[in-house]
C-alpha cells in the first residue's frame, strides 16, 4: 500500500523546475539529479611564514637545506564507486601514483539521460567529458611540493526512467594525498597549506518522489609518530576575512607551542572562506544548490593554514570527496492500468449514486 502511494504521488506531481540561468537545462520528468564538485587551483605546500598570504618558499627548499626529508615519499590516490539501479559500474583508472605524477580516474554509468551542452559541468577549469548517464571524474596535475597543483573531483548522478518502478544512481568519488615527512633542522619547521577553491553542490527533482542528494567533504590530518592527531583542519567557514584564528582546527597543536596565537598553539587558520563539508537534499520537486545565489555559479574562495612541526616524523593526509545520489519512482505500465481502471470504477459508482438520489 505504501509503495502504491509513493508511485501515485510521483505521477500526480507533474511540477516543472525553473532555472535562473539559461545554461542550466531543465531536468526531464520524471528525473532527478545530484551534482557536486571541488576544484582546487594553486594547491601547494610551502615553508610557513607565520602570516596570512601564500608563502614564497616552496617545501622543496626545506628539503634542499636538510631541514626536512620525505622518507616515505608521497602518494596520490583516486577512487571511484558507482551504481545504477543497484548494479555496480566498473570504475576505470583507479590507481595510486607517486606524488607529483598526473593521474585520473573515471566511471560512467549507463546511457539513461543524454545531456546536451555543459549544464552538468562546472563552469571553470579542467572539465571532464560526462555526456550521458551518471558518472564522475577526479584528476590531479603538478607537484604541490615544488610550486602548485590542480586537483579536481566531480560527481554526477542523473536518472530518468519510463520503465522501472524505482530508478536510482549513486556516485562517490574520493581523492587522498599522503605525505610522510621527517622534520630535522633548527628545532622544527612551519608548514603552510594553501589553495584556491571553486565548489558547487546541486540536488534537484523534476517531480515529487523520491530523493536527490549531493555534497562534499574535505579535511587534512597530521599524525605524529605516536599515532596522535597533531593537527586536523576541516574548514567550516568560520574564518572569512583572512585573519588568524582556530576556525575548523583541532588536535594537539592547539594546546602546545609558541608559534602562533600569542604563545598558545602550534597551528593557525589564516583563511577559511566557507565550509567544504555539507550537502543538499531534495525530497520534493525543486532545486537546492550551494551556493544559494540563484545563478548556478560555484562558490569561490581562498584557504590557508599553517602548522609548526617540532622535530620528528609525521604523516600528512588530505582527503576530499564528492558525493551524489538520485532516486525516482515511476509506475510500471500495469500499475498505471490498474490505477486508471480504479479511477473509472470510482467515477461510475459516483454516477450511479448520484442517479439514485
Protein backbone atom coordinates (compact mmCIF):
# COMPACT_ATOMS: atom_id res chain seq x y z
CA UNK A 1 0.00 0.00 0.00
CA UNK A 2 2.80 2.43 0.89
CA UNK A 3 4.60 1.64 -2.35
CA UNK A 4 1.41 2.33 -4.31
CA UNK A 5 1.05 5.69 -2.57
CA UNK A 6 4.63 6.58 -3.46
CA UNK A 7 4.08 5.68 -7.11
CA UNK A 8 0.79 7.55 -7.33
CA UNK A 9 2.33 10.59 -5.71
CA UNK A 10 5.16 10.76 -8.20
CA UNK A 11 2.71 10.60 -11.11
CA UNK A 12 0.38 13.25 -9.77
CA UNK A 13 3.03 15.85 -9.03
CA UNK A 14 3.97 16.99 -12.52
CA UNK A 15 5.87 20.07 -11.41
CA UNK A 16 8.27 21.81 -13.75
CA UNK A 17 11.60 23.04 -12.42
CA UNK A 18 12.51 26.58 -13.45
CA UNK A 19 16.13 27.69 -13.66
CA UNK A 20 17.61 31.13 -13.22
CA UNK A 21 20.45 30.54 -15.64
CA UNK A 22 19.67 29.62 -19.25
CA UNK A 23 22.73 27.36 -19.38
CA UNK A 24 21.11 25.02 -16.86
CA UNK A 25 18.73 22.78 -18.78
CA UNK A 26 15.54 21.57 -17.13
CA UNK A 27 15.60 18.03 -15.79
CA UNK A 28 13.41 15.62 -17.77
CA UNK A 29 10.33 14.44 -15.89
CA UNK A 30 10.42 12.03 -14.21
CA UNK A 31 14.01 12.68 -13.29
CA UNK A 32 16.46 13.56 -10.56
CA UNK A 33 19.98 14.92 -10.31
CA UNK A 34 22.77 15.01 -7.75
CA UNK A 35 25.84 17.01 -8.79
CA UNK A 36 28.86 18.15 -6.77
CA UNK A 37 32.44 19.17 -7.41
CA UNK A 38 35.57 20.50 -5.74
CA UNK A 39 38.08 22.27 -7.99
CA UNK A 40 41.37 23.27 -6.35
CA UNK A 41 43.85 25.56 -8.08
CA UNK A 42 47.22 26.85 -6.81
CA UNK A 43 47.20 23.93 -4.37
CA UNK A 44 50.58 23.97 -2.64
CA UNK A 45 52.70 23.09 0.38
CA UNK A 46 55.27 25.69 1.42
CA UNK A 47 57.53 26.71 4.29
CA UNK A 48 55.29 28.70 6.63
CA UNK A 49 55.91 32.40 7.16
CA UNK A 50 53.59 32.94 10.15
CA UNK A 51 51.29 35.33 8.30
CA UNK A 52 48.27 35.36 6.02
CA UNK A 53 49.02 35.12 2.32
CA UNK A 54 50.85 32.50 0.31
CA UNK A 55 54.40 31.80 1.34
CA UNK A 56 57.07 32.42 -1.28
CA UNK A 57 59.23 29.47 -0.14
CA UNK A 58 58.24 26.05 -1.55
CA UNK A 59 58.55 22.98 0.66
CA UNK A 60 61.31 21.76 -1.67
CA UNK A 61 63.55 24.48 -0.24
CA UNK A 62 63.41 22.85 3.20
CA UNK A 63 64.38 19.55 1.59
CA UNK A 64 67.40 21.15 -0.09
CA UNK A 65 68.62 22.72 3.16
CA UNK A 66 68.26 19.45 5.09
CA UNK A 67 65.54 20.74 7.41
CA UNK A 68 63.09 18.21 6.00
CA UNK A 69 63.22 14.80 4.37
CA UNK A 70 60.42 12.74 2.83
CA UNK A 71 61.45 9.17 3.76
CA UNK A 72 58.24 7.51 2.66
CA UNK A 73 57.68 9.65 -0.38
CA UNK A 74 54.18 10.74 -1.22
CA UNK A 75 51.20 9.22 -2.97
CA UNK A 76 48.06 10.40 -4.68
CA UNK A 77 45.09 8.02 -4.81
CA UNK A 78 41.85 8.41 -6.75
CA UNK A 79 38.90 6.15 -6.06
CA UNK A 80 35.54 5.94 -7.79
CA UNK A 81 32.45 3.94 -6.88
CA UNK A 82 29.23 3.97 -8.85
CA UNK A 83 25.98 2.06 -9.33
CA UNK A 84 22.84 2.31 -11.43
CA UNK A 85 19.62 0.63 -10.31
CA UNK A 86 21.65 -1.28 -7.76
CA UNK A 87 24.13 -2.63 -10.34
CA UNK A 88 27.74 -1.52 -9.71
CA UNK A 89 29.53 0.23 -12.52
CA UNK A 90 33.10 -0.71 -13.38
CA UNK A 91 35.45 2.18 -12.49
CA UNK A 92 38.17 2.96 -14.99
CA UNK A 93 41.56 4.29 -13.94
CA UNK A 94 41.59 3.80 -10.16
CA UNK A 95 45.26 3.99 -9.20
CA UNK A 96 47.92 5.18 -6.79
CA UNK A 97 50.81 7.29 -8.05
CA UNK A 98 53.91 8.94 -6.67
CA UNK A 99 53.30 12.49 -5.54
CA UNK A 100 53.75 14.89 -8.41
CA UNK A 101 52.56 12.48 -11.11
CA UNK A 102 49.45 13.10 -13.15
CA UNK A 103 46.59 10.69 -12.55
CA UNK A 104 42.92 10.37 -13.42
CA UNK A 105 40.02 8.08 -12.60
CA UNK A 106 36.61 7.99 -14.20
CA UNK A 107 33.39 5.97 -14.03
CA UNK A 108 30.35 6.48 -16.23
CA UNK A 109 27.05 4.68 -15.67
CA UNK A 110 24.53 3.83 -18.38
CA UNK A 111 23.06 5.93 -21.17
CA UNK A 112 19.96 6.78 -19.17
CA UNK A 113 19.97 10.53 -19.63
CA UNK A 114 21.67 12.04 -22.62
CA UNK A 115 22.72 15.55 -21.67
CA UNK A 116 23.28 18.17 -24.33
CA UNK A 117 25.60 21.04 -23.55
CA UNK A 118 27.55 21.62 -20.36
CA UNK A 119 24.83 22.07 -17.74
CA UNK A 120 26.24 19.24 -15.60
CA UNK A 121 29.79 20.52 -15.75
CA UNK A 122 31.47 23.16 -13.60
CA UNK A 123 32.00 26.50 -15.20
CA UNK A 124 35.73 26.79 -14.54
CA UNK A 125 38.69 24.63 -15.39
CA UNK A 126 39.57 21.10 -16.44
CA UNK A 127 36.12 19.93 -17.48
CA UNK A 128 35.77 16.17 -17.93
CA UNK A 129 33.55 14.73 -20.64
CA UNK A 130 30.38 13.45 -18.98
CA UNK A 131 27.72 13.38 -21.65
CA UNK A 132 25.34 10.66 -20.56
CA UNK A 133 24.10 8.70 -17.62
CA UNK A 134 25.78 9.32 -14.31
CA UNK A 135 29.48 9.41 -13.71
CA UNK A 136 32.38 11.04 -12.04
CA UNK A 137 35.89 12.27 -12.63
CA UNK A 138 38.88 13.05 -10.47
CA UNK A 139 42.33 14.23 -11.51
CA UNK A 140 45.45 15.96 -10.25
CA UNK A 141 48.29 17.65 -12.09
CA UNK A 142 51.52 19.21 -10.93
CA UNK A 143 53.58 18.78 -7.77
CA UNK A 144 52.36 20.73 -4.76
CA UNK A 145 55.80 20.43 -3.07
CA UNK A 146 57.55 22.36 -5.81
CA UNK A 147 55.15 25.07 -6.95
CA UNK A 148 51.44 24.26 -7.13
CA UNK A 149 48.98 21.70 -8.40
CA UNK A 150 45.40 21.42 -9.66
CA UNK A 151 43.01 18.93 -8.09
CA UNK A 152 39.57 18.23 -9.47
CA UNK A 153 36.80 15.99 -8.08
CA UNK A 154 33.38 15.86 -9.75
CA UNK A 155 30.47 13.51 -9.03
CA UNK A 156 27.24 13.32 -11.05
CA UNK A 157 24.21 11.10 -10.56
CA UNK A 158 21.48 11.73 -13.12
CA UNK A 159 18.49 9.44 -13.55
CA UNK A 160 15.26 9.35 -15.53
CA UNK A 161 13.13 6.39 -16.50
CA UNK A 162 9.82 5.37 -18.04
CA UNK A 163 10.01 1.65 -17.37
CA UNK A 164 11.38 1.00 -13.90
CA UNK A 165 9.33 1.22 -10.74
CA UNK A 166 12.36 2.56 -8.94
CA UNK A 167 15.39 4.02 -10.70
CA UNK A 168 18.44 5.21 -8.81
CA UNK A 169 22.03 6.23 -9.41
CA UNK A 170 24.80 6.84 -6.88
CA UNK A 171 28.35 8.08 -7.32
CA UNK A 172 31.09 8.54 -4.74
CA UNK A 173 34.47 9.94 -5.68
CA UNK A 174 37.40 10.43 -3.34
CA UNK A 175 40.97 11.62 -3.68
CA UNK A 176 43.60 11.15 -1.00
CA UNK A 177 47.07 12.67 -0.75
CA UNK A 178 49.56 11.21 1.72
CA UNK A 179 52.98 12.61 2.52
CA UNK A 180 55.47 11.30 5.11
CA UNK A 181 57.84 13.99 6.37
CA UNK A 182 60.74 13.97 8.83
CA UNK A 183 61.49 17.35 10.39
CA UNK A 184 65.20 17.60 11.22
CA UNK A 185 66.64 21.08 11.49
CA UNK A 186 66.51 24.20 13.62
CA UNK A 187 64.20 22.69 16.24
CA UNK A 188 61.22 22.42 13.94
CA UNK A 189 59.60 23.67 10.76
CA UNK A 190 56.43 25.60 9.94
CA UNK A 191 54.48 24.15 7.01
CA UNK A 192 51.80 26.02 5.08
CA UNK A 193 48.99 24.52 3.01
CA UNK A 194 47.05 26.90 0.77
CA UNK A 195 44.74 26.72 -2.22
CA UNK A 196 42.03 28.49 -4.18
CA UNK A 197 38.76 26.58 -4.48
CA UNK A 198 35.65 26.52 -6.65
CA UNK A 199 32.83 24.41 -5.22
CA UNK A 200 29.29 23.60 -6.35
CA UNK A 201 26.57 21.32 -4.97
CA UNK A 202 23.17 20.70 -6.54
CA UNK A 203 20.24 18.40 -5.79
CA UNK A 204 17.16 18.61 -8.00
CA UNK A 205 13.93 16.72 -8.71
CA UNK A 206 11.53 17.38 -11.59
CA UNK A 207 8.67 15.87 -9.59
CA UNK A 208 7.87 14.73 -6.07
CA UNK A 209 9.48 11.43 -5.08
CA UNK A 210 11.83 10.04 -4.13
CA UNK A 211 15.09 11.93 -3.46
CA UNK A 212 18.17 13.66 -4.80
CA UNK A 213 21.28 14.42 -2.79
CA UNK A 214 24.76 15.85 -3.30
CA UNK A 215 27.59 17.02 -1.07
CA UNK A 216 31.32 17.37 -0.49
CA UNK A 217 33.79 16.67 2.33
CA UNK A 218 37.40 17.75 2.88
CA UNK A 219 39.94 17.55 5.70
CA UNK A 220 43.67 17.46 6.37
CA UNK A 221 45.17 15.45 9.23
CA UNK A 222 48.75 15.40 10.50
CA UNK A 223 49.53 12.40 12.72
CA UNK A 224 52.71 12.30 14.80
CA UNK A 225 55.00 9.31 15.31
CA UNK A 226 52.95 8.24 18.37
CA UNK A 227 49.83 7.96 16.23
CA UNK A 228 48.16 11.02 17.79
CA UNK A 229 46.29 13.64 15.79
CA UNK A 230 48.66 16.56 15.97
CA UNK A 231 46.80 18.80 13.53
CA UNK A 232 43.33 18.47 11.96
CA UNK A 233 41.75 21.08 9.70
CA UNK A 234 38.17 20.81 8.46
CA UNK A 235 37.27 24.22 7.02
CA UNK A 236 33.93 25.37 8.43
CA UNK A 237 33.60 28.89 7.11
CA UNK A 238 34.48 30.42 10.46
CA UNK A 239 37.43 32.41 9.19
CA UNK A 240 36.22 34.53 6.31
CA UNK A 241 38.23 37.71 6.02
CA UNK A 242 41.64 36.07 6.30
CA UNK A 243 42.59 36.63 9.93
CA UNK A 244 44.40 34.31 12.30
CA UNK A 245 42.13 32.16 14.49
CA UNK A 246 41.38 28.49 15.14
CA UNK A 247 38.30 28.07 12.93
CA UNK A 248 37.92 24.44 11.93
CA UNK A 249 41.12 23.36 13.72
CA UNK A 250 41.63 20.59 16.27
CA UNK A 251 44.46 18.39 17.53
CA UNK A 252 47.35 18.59 19.98
CA UNK A 253 48.81 21.64 18.22
CA UNK A 254 46.12 23.81 19.85
CA UNK A 255 47.47 23.30 23.35
CA UNK A 256 51.24 23.37 22.92
CA UNK A 257 53.97 25.53 21.44
CA UNK A 258 54.71 29.19 20.91
CA UNK A 259 54.45 29.63 17.16
CA UNK A 260 51.00 31.21 16.80
CA UNK A 261 48.33 32.99 18.76
CA UNK A 262 50.41 34.76 21.38
CA UNK A 263 52.24 31.64 22.50
CA UNK A 264 49.17 29.42 22.91
CA UNK A 265 49.35 26.98 19.99
CA UNK A 266 51.38 25.49 17.17
CA UNK A 267 48.80 25.94 14.36
CA UNK A 268 46.66 28.61 12.79
CA UNK A 269 43.93 29.03 10.21
CA UNK A 270 44.57 32.18 8.20
CA UNK A 271 41.83 31.85 5.59
CA UNK A 272 38.67 29.71 5.64
CA UNK A 273 36.08 31.34 3.39
CA UNK A 274 33.29 28.75 3.65
CA UNK A 275 32.58 25.24 4.83
CA UNK A 276 33.54 22.42 2.49
CA UNK A 277 31.67 19.76 4.48
CA UNK A 278 27.93 19.95 3.81
CA UNK A 279 25.27 18.73 1.40
CA UNK A 280 21.86 19.42 -0.13
CA UNK A 281 18.86 17.07 -0.32
CA UNK A 282 15.58 17.26 -2.29
CA UNK A 283 12.52 15.17 -1.37
CA UNK A 284 10.02 17.22 -3.40
CA UNK A 285 10.09 18.88 -6.80
CA UNK A 286 12.54 21.74 -6.96
CA UNK A 287 16.20 22.67 -6.86
CA UNK A 288 18.60 23.07 -3.94
CA UNK A 289 22.09 24.38 -4.55
CA UNK A 290 25.24 25.56 -2.79
CA UNK A 291 25.77 28.47 -3.03
CA UNK A 292 22.14 29.57 -2.83
CA UNK A 293 22.54 32.64 -5.02
CA UNK A 294 20.22 31.78 -7.91
CA UNK A 295 22.98 31.95 -10.51
CA UNK A 296 24.28 28.36 -10.62
CA UNK A 297 27.80 29.74 -10.33
CA UNK A 298 30.20 27.98 -7.94
CA UNK A 299 31.46 29.30 -4.64
CA UNK A 300 34.97 30.66 -4.92
CA UNK A 301 37.33 31.21 -2.02
CA UNK A 302 40.83 31.09 -0.60
CA UNK A 303 42.01 28.72 2.15
CA UNK A 304 45.24 28.76 4.13
CA UNK A 305 46.50 27.09 7.30
CA UNK A 306 49.90 26.65 8.93
CA UNK A 307 51.24 24.16 11.44
CA UNK A 308 54.57 24.28 13.26
CA UNK A 309 56.08 20.78 13.39
CA UNK A 310 58.69 20.10 16.09
CA UNK A 311 61.47 17.73 15.09
CA UNK A 312 60.09 14.27 14.40
CA UNK A 313 58.27 12.07 11.93
CA UNK A 314 54.76 12.93 10.69
CA UNK A 315 52.24 11.64 8.19
CA UNK A 316 50.18 14.25 6.35
CA UNK A 317 46.87 13.02 4.87
CA UNK A 318 44.44 15.07 2.81
CA UNK A 319 41.05 13.57 1.96
CA UNK A 320 38.45 15.05 -0.35
CA UNK A 321 35.22 13.56 -1.66
CA UNK A 322 32.27 14.46 -3.85
CA UNK A 323 29.01 12.55 -3.42
CA UNK A 324 25.82 12.36 -5.46
CA UNK A 325 22.64 10.31 -5.43
CA UNK A 326 19.37 10.43 -7.35
CA UNK A 327 16.36 8.14 -6.97
CA UNK A 328 12.94 8.40 -8.60
CA UNK A 329 9.79 6.28 -8.61
CA UNK A 330 7.93 5.59 -11.85
CA UNK A 331 4.86 3.31 -12.07
CA UNK A 332 5.02 0.14 -14.10
CA UNK A 333 2.61 0.12 -17.05
CA UNK A 334 0.48 -2.46 -15.23
CA UNK A 335 0.23 -0.19 -12.20
CA UNK A 336 -0.91 2.69 -14.39
CA UNK A 337 -3.57 0.50 -15.99
CA UNK A 338 -4.86 -0.62 -12.61
CA UNK A 339 -4.87 2.97 -11.43
CA UNK A 340 -6.88 4.01 -14.49
CA UNK A 341 -9.41 1.17 -14.07
CA UNK A 342 -9.81 2.08 -10.40
CA UNK A 343 -10.48 5.72 -11.22
CA UNK A 344 -13.03 4.74 -13.87
CA UNK A 345 -14.80 2.45 -11.43
CA UNK A 346 -14.89 5.17 -8.83
CA UNK A 347 -16.41 7.54 -11.35
CA UNK A 348 -19.08 5.02 -12.38
CA UNK A 349 -20.03 4.33 -8.77
CA UNK A 350 -20.34 8.03 -8.11
CA UNK A 351 -22.64 8.48 -11.11
CA UNK A 352 -24.86 5.58 -10.01
CA UNK A 353 -25.11 7.01 -6.50
CA UNK A 354 -26.00 10.45 -7.93
CA UNK A 355 -28.70 8.96 -10.27
CA UNK A 356 -30.34 7.11 -7.36
CA UNK A 357 -30.62 10.37 -5.47
